[in-house]
Amino acid sequence: MITTAYCKHFARYNRWQNESIYAAAAKLPDGTRKRNMGAYFKSIHGTLNHLLVADWLWLSRMTGEPNAVISLDQELYTDFDELARARVTADDRIDRFVASLTPVRLAEFIAYRRLSGNRAEIVQPLSLALMQLFNHQTHHRGQVSTLLMQCGIDPGVTDLPAMPADFASPAFGQ
């Protein structure tokens, strides 16, 4: 379905875009970042929190490590600087996980239960879970980009081909 090279490319893109979106959001006052702007997770801060929640949840599902997630709208950090540091830590975890992948591991299945709704066990290929993790990040960063633009902040270029060729992951390089 996907390759380890694909995962590394998207992990690099994920980190690059997270750095960009957080740098753009840092230009705003805290009250503006936390203002309810009608987004699904209400605010820029709320949406960035949700992305971290989802990454923690997916990493837990993929690695078997425990997590502290109790709901998809859980506010993990009220302080933006703490949230930003936790984002870097999560990206480090994602990169280390991706660096450890092999084609055999990508083909394996994971099992988990959703946090809400139908709590039946879901079994799916790890590769599909990774595609979901990266796609989910892109989806919600797009929402944050729109909210930033509404606040007069240009989040910059977000297109995958625009990622600098020399942008590297600390875990696996380029």
Protein backbone atom coordinates (compact mmCIF):
# COMPACT_ATOMS: atom_id res chain seq x y z
CA MET A 1 0.00 0.00 0.00
CA ILE A 2 2.74 2.48 1.01
CA THR A 3 6.48 2.27 1.51
CA THR A 4 8.86 3.29 4.27
CA ALA A 5 10.17 6.01 1.92
CA TYR A 6 6.61 7.38 1.62
CA CYS A 7 6.32 7.47 5.41
CA LYS A 8 9.63 9.26 5.79
CA HIS A 9 8.66 11.83 3.18
CA PHE A 10 5.36 12.54 4.91
CA ALA A 11 6.96 12.63 8.36
CA ARG A 12 9.37 15.28 7.06
CA TYR A 13 6.48 17.20 5.47
CA ASN A 14 4.48 16.88 8.68
CA ARG A 15 7.33 18.36 10.76
CA TRP A 16 8.00 21.14 8.23
CA GLN A 17 4.37 22.18 8.17
CA ASN A 18 3.96 21.96 11.94
CA GLU A 19 6.98 24.25 12.35
CA SER A 20 5.48 26.68 9.81
CA ILE A 21 1.99 26.72 11.30
CA TYR A 22 3.26 27.17 14.86
CA ALA A 23 5.58 30.00 13.77
CA ALA A 24 2.63 31.72 12.11
CA ALA A 25 0.35 31.17 15.11
CA ALA A 26 3.03 32.53 17.46
CA LYS A 27 2.61 35.95 15.78
CA LEU A 28 -0.87 36.26 17.32
CA PRO A 29 -1.77 37.24 20.85
CA ASP A 30 -2.97 34.38 23.03
CA GLY A 31 -6.52 35.70 23.15
CA THR A 32 -6.73 35.70 19.36
CA ARG A 33 -5.36 32.14 19.13
CA LYS A 34 -7.97 31.01 21.66
CA ARG A 35 -10.93 32.99 20.26
CA ASN A 36 -13.84 30.86 19.06
CA MET A 37 -13.80 31.40 15.31
CA GLY A 38 -16.45 28.81 14.48
CA ALA A 39 -14.05 26.03 13.52
CA TYR A 40 -14.84 22.44 14.47
CA PHE A 41 -12.45 22.69 17.41
CA LYS A 42 -13.45 26.34 17.82
CA SER A 43 -10.09 28.14 17.72
CA ILE A 44 -6.56 27.99 16.39
CA HIS A 45 -5.40 26.82 19.81
CA GLY A 46 -8.20 24.26 20.05
CA THR A 47 -7.41 22.84 16.62
CA LEU A 48 -3.68 22.62 17.36
CA ASN A 49 -4.53 20.85 20.64
CA HIS A 50 -6.75 18.42 18.74
CA LEU A 51 -3.93 17.58 16.33
CA LEU A 52 -1.67 16.75 19.25
CA VAL A 53 -4.41 14.65 20.88
CA ALA A 54 -4.94 12.71 17.65
CA ASP A 55 -1.22 12.13 17.15
CA TRP A 56 -0.84 10.86 20.71
CA LEU A 57 -3.80 8.55 20.13
CA TRP A 58 -2.53 7.19 16.80
CA LEU A 59 1.00 6.73 18.15
CA SER A 60 -0.42 4.82 21.09
CA ARG A 61 -2.40 2.59 18.76
CA MET A 62 0.64 1.94 16.58
CA THR A 63 3.23 1.42 19.34
CA GLY A 64 1.14 0.02 22.19
CA GLU A 65 2.42 2.78 24.49
CA PRO A 66 -0.15 4.26 26.89
CA ASN A 67 -1.50 7.78 26.47
CA ALA A 68 -3.50 10.26 28.52
CA VAL A 69 -6.14 10.95 25.87
CA ILE A 70 -9.74 10.87 27.10
CA SER A 71 -11.51 12.87 24.38
CA LEU A 72 -10.80 14.27 20.92
CA ASP A 73 -11.36 17.83 22.10
CA GLN A 74 -9.27 17.46 25.24
CA GLU A 75 -7.17 20.53 25.99
CA LEU A 76 -3.74 19.11 26.73
CA TYR A 77 -2.03 22.48 27.19
CA THR A 78 -3.54 25.89 27.84
CA ASP A 79 -0.17 27.59 27.39
CA PHE A 80 0.83 28.02 23.76
CA ASP A 81 4.57 27.64 24.42
CA GLU A 82 3.96 24.35 26.24
CA LEU A 83 1.74 23.20 23.37
CA ALA A 84 4.47 24.11 20.88
CA ARG A 85 7.10 22.16 22.84
CA ALA A 86 4.77 19.16 23.04
CA ARG A 87 4.25 19.39 19.27
CA VAL A 88 8.01 19.13 18.69
CA THR A 89 8.15 16.15 21.06
CA ALA A 90 5.29 14.46 19.20
CA ASP A 91 6.98 15.07 15.86
CA ASP A 92 10.16 13.55 17.30
CA ARG A 93 8.14 10.48 18.36
CA ILE A 94 6.53 10.21 14.93
CA ASP A 95 9.92 10.46 13.23
CA ARG A 96 11.51 7.83 15.49
CA PHE A 97 8.57 5.51 14.85
CA VAL A 98 8.80 6.06 11.09
CA ALA A 99 12.57 5.53 11.18
CA SER A 100 11.98 2.12 12.78
CA LEU A 101 9.56 0.91 10.09
CA THR A 102 10.25 -1.98 7.79
CA PRO A 103 8.13 -3.24 4.89
CA VAL A 104 7.10 -6.20 7.06
CA ARG A 105 6.00 -3.94 9.92
CA LEU A 106 4.04 -1.69 7.52
CA ALA A 107 2.07 -4.74 6.35
CA GLU A 108 1.13 -5.77 9.91
CA PHE A 109 -2.27 -5.06 11.41
CA ILE A 110 -3.13 -3.03 14.48
CA ALA A 111 -6.25 -3.32 16.63
CA TYR A 112 -7.86 -0.54 18.64
CA ARG A 113 -11.14 0.90 19.84
CA ARG A 114 -12.45 4.38 19.12
CA LEU A 115 -12.81 6.86 21.96
CA SER A 116 -16.47 7.54 21.22
CA GLY A 117 -19.39 6.15 19.29
CA ASN A 118 -19.17 2.53 18.24
CA ARG A 119 -16.48 1.06 20.49
CA ALA A 120 -16.17 -2.20 18.58
CA GLU A 121 -12.62 -3.32 17.91
CA ILE A 122 -11.17 -2.02 14.65
CA VAL A 123 -8.44 -4.01 12.93
CA GLN A 124 -6.58 -2.38 10.07
CA PRO A 125 -3.16 -2.35 8.41
CA LEU A 126 -0.55 -0.18 10.10
CA SER A 127 0.01 1.45 6.70
CA LEU A 128 -3.59 2.70 6.68
CA ALA A 129 -3.22 4.10 10.20
CA LEU A 130 -0.10 6.01 9.12
CA MET A 131 -1.86 7.41 6.07
CA GLN A 132 -4.67 8.53 8.38
CA LEU A 133 -2.23 10.20 10.78
CA PHE A 134 -0.59 12.23 8.01
CA ASN A 135 -3.85 12.99 6.18
CA HIS A 136 -5.51 14.09 9.43
CA GLN A 137 -2.63 16.48 10.13
CA THR A 138 -2.96 18.02 6.66
CA HIS A 139 -6.73 18.36 7.00
CA HIS A 140 -6.66 20.25 10.30
CA ARG A 141 -3.57 22.33 9.44
CA GLY A 142 -5.61 23.50 6.45
CA GLN A 143 -8.30 24.66 8.85
CA VAL A 144 -5.69 26.46 10.98
CA SER A 145 -4.28 28.09 7.82
CA THR A 146 -7.71 29.50 7.04
CA LEU A 147 -8.14 30.79 10.59
CA LEU A 148 -4.68 32.39 10.46
CA MET A 149 -5.54 34.10 7.17
CA GLN A 150 -8.73 35.43 8.77
CA CYS A 151 -6.47 36.98 11.43
CA GLY A 152 -4.21 38.57 8.81
CA ILE A 153 -1.38 36.04 9.18
CA ASP A 154 -0.12 34.29 6.05
CA PRO A 155 0.90 30.73 6.99
CA GLY A 156 3.13 30.47 3.93
CA VAL A 157 3.34 27.84 1.24
CA THR A 158 1.91 24.48 2.29
CA ASP A 159 2.30 22.47 -0.92
CA LEU A 160 4.24 19.24 -0.57
CA PRO A 161 6.53 19.94 -3.57
CA ALA A 162 7.55 23.25 -1.91
CA MET A 163 9.17 21.48 1.03
CA PRO A 164 12.85 22.44 0.98
CA ALA A 165 14.93 19.56 -0.36
CA ASP A 166 17.33 19.92 2.54
CA PHE A 167 14.66 19.88 5.24
CA ALA A 168 15.64 16.90 7.35
CA SER A 169 14.27 14.86 10.21
CA PRO A 170 16.55 14.57 13.24
CA ALA A 171 15.65 10.86 13.33
CA PHE A 172 16.35 9.85 9.73
CA GLY A 173 17.57 12.80 7.67
CA GLN A 174 16.00 13.51 4.31
